[in-house]
Amino acid sequence: MKLKGKVALVTGAGRGIGQGIALAFAREGADVAVNALHLPTAKKTAEAIRKMGQRAIAIEADVSKVDQVERMVNRVIRKLGGIHILVNNVGGSTEELVPTLEQSIQEWDRMLETNLRDTYLCCREVGKWMVSHKTGKIINIASIVGMSGWPTWTAYGPAKAGVINMTMALAVEWGKYNINVNCIAPGFILTDLIKQFIAEGHYDVEALIKRTPLGRLGTPEDIGNAAVFLASDDAKHITGVTLPIDGGWTAYGYL
């Protein structure tokens, strides 16, 4: 077990990618604090982890709010004894996918709060414990949208690009404390939300698969496996890196 004896905090772990990461950590021996915006979804993931033989607590918190982040982190440390691994998974886009000149400033602000501010707040608060104990693994979840230009995604994309840059900055700043800070940039992952978008006709699944060199869409388990690697000693000399997990989508330059 690659994470035996470790405690992980995974934000946005009630479903989708966050849930996939939390379950992957538990399979490798970690105890997990499961955060979600709504407690019932966090409880569902936490119960699945307990059935795997690991400790788990469910925490409802809006991680874009300073006071809620502070309470969440303090609770995890008190209940589980520390935080060796932090995964900043909360994020997402309901961005108005319209030409930039038609986008609202309110939506732009909300995308940065949802995808960048929350990552900063959690890194800052958990970083206090990690720096004082001179150990830690931080994994930020960005997106391939933050690695290239996607028209009409001029809020979500820059927010995720900010996560990628923050990852590099913290990796350099906190390396002397034995803290590894890395980032995963998922492509199209078959979460329940993406399945819903496909069913509603927002995405053409056949076109997405055709555009992906490996000929398949990713799964939450694919992201979970990569997160286990980055959180383990196998990646002890890797920091400041953003790993695209997209089936080759970003590498594919021919449209």
C-alpha atoms as a PDB file:
ATOM      1  CA  MET A   1       0.000   0.000   0.000  1.00  0.00           C
ATOM      2  CA  LYS A   2       1.608   3.205  -1.215  1.00  0.00           C
ATOM      3  CA  LEU A   3      -0.201   5.592   1.153  1.00  0.00           C
ATOM      4  CA  LYS A   4      -0.431   3.542   4.344  1.00  0.00           C
ATOM      5  CA  GLY A   5      -0.406   5.716   7.450  1.00  0.00           C
ATOM      6  CA  LYS A   6      -1.161   8.925   5.534  1.00  0.00           C
ATOM      7  CA  VAL A   7      -4.085  11.285   5.990  1.00  0.00           C
ATOM      8  CA  ALA A   8      -5.547  12.968   2.911  1.00  0.00           C
ATOM      9  CA  LEU A   9      -7.989  15.840   2.544  1.00  0.00           C
ATOM     10  CA  VAL A  10      -9.813  15.811  -0.792  1.00  0.00           C
ATOM     11  CA  THR A  11     -12.095  18.712  -1.633  1.00  0.00           C
ATOM     12  CA  GLY A  12     -15.113  18.221  -3.841  1.00  0.00           C
ATOM     13  CA  ALA A  13     -14.987  14.482  -3.167  1.00  0.00           C
ATOM     14  CA  GLY A  14     -18.697  13.772  -3.023  1.00  0.00           C
ATOM     15  CA  ARG A  15     -18.789  12.655  -6.646  1.00  0.00           C
ATOM     16  CA  GLY A  16     -16.891  12.577  -9.919  1.00  0.00           C
ATOM     17  CA  ILE A  17     -13.137  13.098 -10.043  1.00  0.00           C
ATOM     18  CA  GLY A  18     -12.850  13.971  -6.349  1.00  0.00           C
ATOM     19  CA  GLN A  19     -14.641  10.800  -5.347  1.00  0.00           C
ATOM     20  CA  GLY A  20     -12.434   8.767  -7.670  1.00  0.00           C
ATOM     21  CA  ILE A  21      -9.321  10.222  -6.026  1.00  0.00           C
ATOM     22  CA  ALA A  22     -10.630   9.685  -2.485  1.00  0.00           C
ATOM     23  CA  LEU A  23     -11.439   6.023  -3.171  1.00  0.00           C
ATOM     24  CA  ALA A  24      -8.080   5.462  -4.874  1.00  0.00           C
ATOM     25  CA  PHE A  25      -6.290   6.887  -1.829  1.00  0.00           C
ATOM     26  CA  ALA A  26      -8.262   4.603   0.489  1.00  0.00           C
ATOM     27  CA  ARG A  27      -7.382   1.564  -1.613  1.00  0.00           C
ATOM     28  CA  GLU A  28      -3.733   2.455  -1.052  1.00  0.00           C
ATOM     29  CA  GLY A  29      -4.128   2.683   2.718  1.00  0.00           C
ATOM     30  CA  ALA A  30      -4.828   6.372   3.363  1.00  0.00           C
ATOM     31  CA  ASP A  31      -7.394   7.745   5.773  1.00  0.00           C
ATOM     32  CA  VAL A  32      -9.455  10.400   4.022  1.00  0.00           C
ATOM     33  CA  ALA A  33     -11.291  13.576   4.947  1.00  0.00           C
ATOM     34  CA  VAL A  34     -14.034  13.976   2.358  1.00  0.00           C
ATOM     35  CA  ASN A  35     -15.156  17.528   1.655  1.00  0.00           C
ATOM     36  CA  ALA A  36     -18.220  18.491  -0.338  1.00  0.00           C
ATOM     37  CA  LEU A  37     -20.501  21.485  -0.563  1.00  0.00           C
ATOM     38  CA  HIS A  38     -23.402  19.284   0.548  1.00  0.00           C
ATOM     39  CA  LEU A  39     -22.988  16.866   3.459  1.00  0.00           C
ATOM     40  CA  PRO A  40     -25.030  13.909   2.061  1.00  0.00           C
ATOM     41  CA  THR A  41     -22.670  13.459  -0.894  1.00  0.00           C
ATOM     42  CA  ALA A  42     -19.609  13.679   1.354  1.00  0.00           C
ATOM     43  CA  LYS A  43     -21.134  11.090   3.692  1.00  0.00           C
ATOM     44  CA  LYS A  44     -21.701   8.690   0.794  1.00  0.00           C
ATOM     45  CA  THR A  45     -18.025   8.739  -0.193  1.00  0.00           C
ATOM     46  CA  ALA A  46     -16.876   8.556   3.426  1.00  0.00           C
ATOM     47  CA  GLU A  47     -19.015   5.487   4.047  1.00  0.00           C
ATOM     48  CA  ALA A  48     -17.532   3.751   1.003  1.00  0.00           C
ATOM     49  CA  ILE A  49     -14.057   4.461   2.395  1.00  0.00           C
ATOM     50  CA  ARG A  50     -14.944   3.031   5.802  1.00  0.00           C
ATOM     51  CA  LYS A  51     -16.150  -0.148   4.118  1.00  0.00           C
ATOM     52  CA  MET A  52     -12.642  -0.419   2.647  1.00  0.00           C
ATOM     53  CA  GLY A  53     -11.237  -0.480   6.183  1.00  0.00           C
ATOM     54  CA  GLN A  54      -9.949   3.094   6.368  1.00  0.00           C
ATOM     55  CA  ARG A  55     -10.922   6.002   8.589  1.00  0.00           C
ATOM     56  CA  ALA A  56     -12.991   8.717   6.939  1.00  0.00           C
ATOM     57  CA  ILE A  57     -14.822  11.866   7.966  1.00  0.00           C
ATOM     58  CA  ALA A  58     -17.311  13.856   5.914  1.00  0.00           C
ATOM     59  CA  ILE A  59     -17.096  17.647   6.010  1.00  0.00           C
ATOM     60  CA  GLU A  60     -19.530  20.111   4.492  1.00  0.00           C
ATOM     61  CA  ALA A  61     -17.743  23.341   3.582  1.00  0.00           C
ATOM     62  CA  ASP A  62     -17.646  26.025   0.912  1.00  0.00           C
ATOM     63  CA  VAL A  63     -13.908  26.186   0.333  1.00  0.00           C
ATOM     64  CA  SER A  64     -14.091  29.625  -1.247  1.00  0.00           C
ATOM     65  CA  LYS A  65     -14.865  31.002   2.247  1.00  0.00           C
ATOM     66  CA  VAL A  66     -11.941  31.688   4.585  1.00  0.00           C
ATOM     67  CA  ASP A  67     -13.708  30.815   7.834  1.00  0.00           C
ATOM     68  CA  GLN A  68     -15.101  27.548   6.480  1.00  0.00           C
ATOM     69  CA  VAL A  69     -11.682  26.466   5.196  1.00  0.00           C
ATOM     70  CA  GLU A  70     -10.120  27.209   8.586  1.00  0.00           C
ATOM     71  CA  ARG A  71     -12.764  25.184  10.425  1.00  0.00           C
ATOM     72  CA  MET A  72     -12.460  22.296   7.972  1.00  0.00           C
ATOM     73  CA  VAL A  73      -8.682  22.048   8.245  1.00  0.00           C
ATOM     74  CA  ASN A  74      -8.721  22.325  12.031  1.00  0.00           C
ATOM     75  CA  ARG A  75     -11.297  19.544  12.227  1.00  0.00           C
ATOM     76  CA  VAL A  76      -9.284  17.207  10.007  1.00  0.00           C
ATOM     77  CA  ILE A  77      -6.137  17.747  12.073  1.00  0.00           C
ATOM     78  CA  ARG A  78      -8.042  17.229  15.315  1.00  0.00           C
ATOM     79  CA  LYS A  79      -9.929  14.108  14.161  1.00  0.00           C
ATOM     80  CA  LEU A  80      -7.324  12.384  11.977  1.00  0.00           C
ATOM     81  CA  GLY A  81      -4.048  13.701  13.361  1.00  0.00           C
ATOM     82  CA  GLY A  82      -2.742  15.805  10.492  1.00  0.00           C
ATOM     83  CA  ILE A  83      -2.901  16.311   6.734  1.00  0.00           C
ATOM     84  CA  HIS A  84      -0.136  14.635   4.757  1.00  0.00           C
ATOM     85  CA  ILE A  85      -1.891  14.974   1.395  1.00  0.00           C
ATOM     86  CA  LEU A  86      -4.126  17.756   0.076  1.00  0.00           C
ATOM     87  CA  VAL A  87      -6.071  17.472  -3.162  1.00  0.00           C
ATOM     88  CA  ASN A  88      -7.704  20.677  -4.360  1.00  0.00           C
ATOM     89  CA  ASN A  89     -10.391  19.262  -6.610  1.00  0.00           C
ATOM     90  CA  VAL A  90     -13.238  21.746  -6.126  1.00  0.00           C
ATOM     91  CA  GLY A  91     -13.967  23.653  -9.298  1.00  0.00           C
ATOM     92  CA  GLY A  92     -15.959  23.454 -12.469  1.00  0.00           C
ATOM     93  CA  SER A  93     -17.614  25.615 -15.041  1.00  0.00           C
ATOM     94  CA  THR A  94     -21.111  26.805 -15.650  1.00  0.00           C
ATOM     95  CA  GLU A  95     -19.532  29.650 -17.557  1.00  0.00           C
ATOM     96  CA  GLU A  96     -21.628  31.448 -20.133  1.00  0.00           C
ATOM     97  CA  LEU A  97     -20.050  29.965 -23.257  1.00  0.00           C
ATOM     98  CA  VAL A  98     -20.703  33.038 -25.350  1.00  0.00           C
ATOM     99  CA  PRO A  99     -18.342  35.500 -27.041  1.00  0.00           C
ATOM    100  CA  THR A 100     -16.218  37.330 -24.496  1.00  0.00           C
ATOM    101  CA  LEU A 101     -17.825  40.700 -25.209  1.00  0.00           C
ATOM    102  CA  GLU A 102     -21.170  39.227 -24.178  1.00  0.00           C
ATOM    103  CA  GLN A 103     -19.967  37.603 -20.945  1.00  0.00           C
ATOM    104  CA  SER A 104     -20.960  39.096 -17.603  1.00  0.00           C
ATOM    105  CA  ILE A 105     -18.353  40.369 -15.166  1.00  0.00           C
ATOM    106  CA  GLN A 106     -20.261  38.595 -12.393  1.00  0.00           C
ATOM    107  CA  GLU A 107     -19.744  35.212 -14.054  1.00  0.00           C
ATOM    108  CA  TRP A 108     -16.051  35.951 -14.620  1.00  0.00           C
ATOM    109  CA  ASP A 109     -15.622  36.786 -10.930  1.00  0.00           C
ATOM    110  CA  ARG A 110     -17.502  33.638  -9.906  1.00  0.00           C
ATOM    111  CA  MET A 111     -15.320  31.387 -12.059  1.00  0.00           C
ATOM    112  CA  LEU A 112     -12.154  32.731 -10.430  1.00  0.00           C
ATOM    113  CA  GLU A 113     -13.650  32.286  -6.966  1.00  0.00           C
ATOM    114  CA  THR A 114     -14.751  28.734  -7.724  1.00  0.00           C
ATOM    115  CA  ASN A 115     -11.563  27.580  -9.443  1.00  0.00           C
ATOM    116  CA  LEU A 116      -8.664  29.685  -8.124  1.00  0.00           C
ATOM    117  CA  ARG A 117      -9.524  31.339  -4.818  1.00  0.00           C
ATOM    118  CA  ASP A 118     -10.560  28.043  -3.216  1.00  0.00           C
ATOM    119  CA  THR A 119      -7.303  26.348  -4.233  1.00  0.00           C
ATOM    120  CA  TYR A 120      -5.293  29.231  -2.800  1.00  0.00           C
ATOM    121  CA  LEU A 121      -7.205  29.233   0.492  1.00  0.00           C
ATOM    122  CA  CYS A 122      -6.831  25.489   1.031  1.00  0.00           C
ATOM    123  CA  CYS A 123      -3.137  25.496   0.112  1.00  0.00           C
ATOM    124  CA  ARG A 124      -2.532  28.396   2.468  1.00  0.00           C
ATOM    125  CA  GLU A 125      -4.344  26.842   5.435  1.00  0.00           C
ATOM    126  CA  VAL A 126      -3.109  23.250   5.022  1.00  0.00           C
ATOM    127  CA  GLY A 127       0.347  24.623   4.186  1.00  0.00           C
ATOM    128  CA  LYS A 128       0.672  25.903   7.754  1.00  0.00           C
ATOM    129  CA  TRP A 129       0.572  22.333   9.083  1.00  0.00           C
ATOM    130  CA  MET A 130       2.786  20.953   6.308  1.00  0.00           C
ATOM    131  CA  VAL A 131       5.451  23.644   6.695  1.00  0.00           C
ATOM    132  CA  SER A 132       5.552  23.199  10.485  1.00  0.00           C
ATOM    133  CA  HIS A 133       5.938  19.412  10.066  1.00  0.00           C
ATOM    134  CA  LYS A 134       8.252  19.690   7.040  1.00  0.00           C
ATOM    135  CA  THR A 135       6.298  17.191   4.967  1.00  0.00           C
ATOM    136  CA  GLY A 136       3.415  17.155   2.529  1.00  0.00           C
ATOM    137  CA  LYS A 137       2.023  16.419  -0.886  1.00  0.00           C
ATOM    138  CA  ILE A 138      -0.321  18.883  -2.587  1.00  0.00           C
ATOM    139  CA  ILE A 139      -2.132  17.992  -5.795  1.00  0.00           C
ATOM    140  CA  ASN A 140      -4.113  20.705  -7.527  1.00  0.00           C
ATOM    141  CA  ILE A 141      -6.702  19.812 -10.146  1.00  0.00           C
ATOM    142  CA  ALA A 142      -6.664  22.166 -13.121  1.00  0.00           C
ATOM    143  CA  SER A 143      -7.838  21.386 -16.672  1.00  0.00           C
ATOM    144  CA  ILE A 144      -6.453  21.122 -20.181  1.00  0.00           C
ATOM    145  CA  VAL A 145      -8.526  24.272 -20.828  1.00  0.00           C
ATOM    146  CA  GLY A 146      -5.935  26.113 -18.731  1.00  0.00           C
ATOM    147  CA  MET A 147      -3.107  24.933 -21.002  1.00  0.00           C
ATOM    148  CA  SER A 148      -4.292  26.317 -24.343  1.00  0.00           C
ATOM    149  CA  GLY A 149      -6.703  28.826 -25.843  1.00  0.00           C
ATOM    150  CA  TRP A 150     -10.364  27.777 -25.847  1.00  0.00           C
ATOM    151  CA  PRO A 151     -12.608  30.466 -27.348  1.00  0.00           C
ATOM    152  CA  THR A 152     -15.465  31.643 -25.100  1.00  0.00           C
ATOM    153  CA  TRP A 153     -13.789  30.014 -22.054  1.00  0.00           C
ATOM    154  CA  THR A 154     -12.143  33.276 -20.998  1.00  0.00           C
ATOM    155  CA  ALA A 155     -13.016  32.900 -17.300  1.00  0.00           C
ATOM    156  CA  TYR A 156     -12.622  29.179 -16.579  1.00  0.00           C
ATOM    157  CA  GLY A 157      -9.476  28.828 -18.707  1.00  0.00           C
ATOM    158  CA  PRO A 158      -7.559  31.681 -17.066  1.00  0.00           C
ATOM    159  CA  ALA A 159      -8.670  30.484 -13.614  1.00  0.00           C
ATOM    160  CA  LYS A 160      -7.231  27.022 -14.300  1.00  0.00           C
ATOM    161  CA  ALA A 161      -4.093  28.577 -15.795  1.00  0.00           C
ATOM    162  CA  GLY A 162      -3.771  30.411 -12.489  1.00  0.00           C
ATOM    163  CA  VAL A 163      -3.938  27.075 -10.651  1.00  0.00           C
ATOM    164  CA  ILE A 164      -1.114  25.768 -12.840  1.00  0.00           C
ATOM    165  CA  ASN A 165       1.042  28.824 -12.129  1.00  0.00           C
ATOM    166  CA  MET A 166       0.246  28.692  -8.401  1.00  0.00           C
ATOM    167  CA  THR A 167       1.383  25.069  -8.409  1.00  0.00           C
ATOM    168  CA  MET A 168       4.793  26.078  -9.750  1.00  0.00           C
ATOM    169  CA  ALA A 169       5.127  29.031  -7.370  1.00  0.00           C
ATOM    170  CA  LEU A 170       4.310  26.955  -4.281  1.00  0.00           C
ATOM    171  CA  ALA A 171       6.556  24.103  -5.426  1.00  0.00           C
ATOM    172  CA  VAL A 172       9.489  26.507  -5.491  1.00  0.00           C
ATOM    173  CA  GLU A 173       8.557  28.316  -2.275  1.00  0.00           C
ATOM    174  CA  TRP A 174       7.848  25.204  -0.192  1.00  0.00           C
ATOM    175  CA  GLY A 175      10.393  22.778  -1.607  1.00  0.00           C
ATOM    176  CA  LYS A 176      12.743  23.520   1.287  1.00  0.00           C
ATOM    177  CA  TYR A 177      10.077  22.164   3.643  1.00  0.00           C
ATOM    178  CA  ASN A 178       9.942  18.797   1.862  1.00  0.00           C
ATOM    179  CA  ILE A 179       6.566  19.629   0.310  1.00  0.00           C
ATOM    180  CA  ASN A 180       5.803  18.463  -3.226  1.00  0.00           C
ATOM    181  CA  VAL A 181       3.240  20.528  -5.121  1.00  0.00           C
ATOM    182  CA  ASN A 182       1.970  19.165  -8.424  1.00  0.00           C
ATOM    183  CA  CYS A 183      -1.024  19.530 -10.667  1.00  0.00           C
ATOM    184  CA  ILE A 184      -3.257  17.274 -12.754  1.00  0.00           C
ATOM    185  CA  ALA A 185      -4.984  18.682 -15.834  1.00  0.00           C
ATOM    186  CA  PRO A 186      -7.848  16.363 -16.797  1.00  0.00           C
ATOM    187  CA  GLY A 187      -9.319  16.257 -20.260  1.00  0.00           C
ATOM    188  CA  PHE A 188     -12.824  14.967 -20.902  1.00  0.00           C
ATOM    189  CA  ILE A 189     -13.566  12.599 -18.020  1.00  0.00           C
ATOM    190  CA  LEU A 190     -16.733  10.499 -17.874  1.00  0.00           C
ATOM    191  CA  THR A 191     -18.192  11.856 -14.670  1.00  0.00           C
ATOM    192  CA  ASP A 192     -21.932  11.857 -14.050  1.00  0.00           C
ATOM    193  CA  LEU A 193     -22.013  15.532 -15.020  1.00  0.00           C
ATOM    194  CA  ILE A 194     -20.311  14.930 -18.371  1.00  0.00           C
ATOM    195  CA  LYS A 195     -22.637  11.978 -18.999  1.00  0.00           C
ATOM    196  CA  GLN A 196     -25.562  14.320 -18.352  1.00  0.00           C
ATOM    197  CA  PHE A 197     -24.169  16.902 -20.785  1.00  0.00           C
ATOM    198  CA  ILE A 198     -23.764  14.181 -23.420  1.00  0.00           C
ATOM    199  CA  ALA A 199     -27.328  12.952 -22.857  1.00  0.00           C
ATOM    200  CA  GLU A 200     -28.633  16.516 -23.183  1.00  0.00           C
ATOM    201  CA  GLY A 201     -26.777  16.978 -26.467  1.00  0.00           C
ATOM    202  CA  HIS A 202     -24.248  19.527 -25.253  1.00  0.00           C
ATOM    203  CA  TYR A 203     -21.347  17.248 -26.264  1.00  0.00           C
ATOM    204  CA  ASP A 204     -20.983  14.907 -29.237  1.00  0.00           C
ATOM    205  CA  VAL A 205     -19.378  11.901 -27.594  1.00  0.00           C
ATOM    206  CA  GLU A 206     -18.349  10.309 -30.899  1.00  0.00           C
ATOM    207  CA  ALA A 207     -16.585  13.519 -31.939  1.00  0.00           C
ATOM    208  CA  LEU A 208     -14.800  13.729 -28.568  1.00  0.00           C
ATOM    209  CA  ILE A 209     -13.593  10.132 -28.847  1.00  0.00           C
ATOM    210  CA  LYS A 210     -12.472  10.670 -32.447  1.00  0.00           C
ATOM    211  CA  ARG A 211     -10.492  13.770 -31.396  1.00  0.00           C
ATOM    212  CA  THR A 212      -8.762  11.805 -28.590  1.00  0.00           C
ATOM    213  CA  PRO A 213      -5.693   9.858 -29.816  1.00  0.00           C
ATOM    214  CA  LEU A 214      -6.236   6.974 -27.388  1.00  0.00           C
ATOM    215  CA  GLY A 215      -9.789   6.605 -28.674  1.00  0.00           C
ATOM    216  CA  ARG A 216     -11.557   6.749 -25.312  1.00  0.00           C
ATOM    217  CA  LEU A 217     -12.684   9.240 -22.722  1.00  0.00           C
ATOM    218  CA  GLY A 218     -11.102   9.172 -19.297  1.00  0.00           C
ATOM    219  CA  THR A 219     -12.634   7.961 -16.048  1.00  0.00           C
ATOM    220  CA  PRO A 220     -12.395   9.206 -12.451  1.00  0.00           C
ATOM    221  CA  GLU A 221     -10.277   6.103 -11.777  1.00  0.00           C
ATOM    222  CA  ASP A 222      -7.705   7.320 -14.330  1.00  0.00           C
ATOM    223  CA  ILE A 223      -7.334  10.560 -12.374  1.00  0.00           C
ATOM    224  CA  GLY A 224      -7.291   8.676  -9.068  1.00  0.00           C
ATOM    225  CA  ASN A 225      -4.441   6.442 -10.195  1.00  0.00           C
ATOM    226  CA  ALA A 226      -2.357   9.449 -11.231  1.00  0.00           C
ATOM    227  CA  ALA A 227      -3.095  11.191  -7.932  1.00  0.00           C
ATOM    228  CA  VAL A 228      -1.905   8.123  -6.007  1.00  0.00           C
ATOM    229  CA  PHE A 229       1.376   8.244  -7.928  1.00  0.00           C
ATOM    230  CA  LEU A 230       1.930  11.948  -7.217  1.00  0.00           C
ATOM    231  CA  ALA A 231       1.022  11.483  -3.539  1.00  0.00           C
ATOM    232  CA  SER A 232       3.368   8.523  -3.071  1.00  0.00           C
ATOM    233  CA  ASP A 233       7.115   8.227  -2.576  1.00  0.00           C
ATOM    234  CA  ASP A 234       7.330   7.103  -6.206  1.00  0.00           C
ATOM    235  CA  ALA A 235       7.059  10.808  -7.074  1.00  0.00           C
ATOM    236  CA  LYS A 236       9.285  12.181  -4.303  1.00  0.00           C
ATOM    237  CA  HIS A 237      11.544  14.030  -6.786  1.00  0.00           C
ATOM    238  CA  ILE A 238       8.689  15.487  -8.840  1.00  0.00           C
ATOM    239  CA  THR A 239       7.391  18.948  -8.005  1.00  0.00           C
ATOM    240  CA  GLY A 240       5.978  21.930  -9.887  1.00  0.00           C
ATOM    241  CA  VAL A 241       4.704  19.698 -12.680  1.00  0.00           C
ATOM    242  CA  THR A 242       1.334  19.728 -14.447  1.00  0.00           C
ATOM    243  CA  LEU A 243       0.340  16.325 -15.786  1.00  0.00           C
ATOM    244  CA  PRO A 244      -2.311  16.281 -18.522  1.00  0.00           C
ATOM    245  CA  ILE A 245      -4.510  13.198 -18.289  1.00  0.00           C
ATOM    246  CA  ASP A 246      -6.430  13.574 -21.502  1.00  0.00           C
ATOM    247  CA  GLY A 247      -5.771  10.569 -23.734  1.00  0.00           C
ATOM    248  CA  GLY A 248      -3.429  12.685 -25.850  1.00  0.00           C
ATOM    249  CA  TRP A 249      -5.883  15.526 -26.511  1.00  0.00           C
ATOM    250  CA  THR A 250      -3.403  18.319 -25.695  1.00  0.00           C
ATOM    251  CA  ALA A 251      -0.603  16.696 -27.716  1.00  0.00           C
ATOM    252  CA  TYR A 252      -2.824  16.382 -30.805  1.00  0.00           C
ATOM    253  CA  GLY A 253      -2.112  19.404 -32.990  1.00  0.00           C
ATOM    254  CA  TYR A 254      -4.122  18.395 -36.034  1.00  0.00           C
ATOM    255  CA  LEU A 255      -7.812  19.344 -36.164  1.00  0.00           C
END
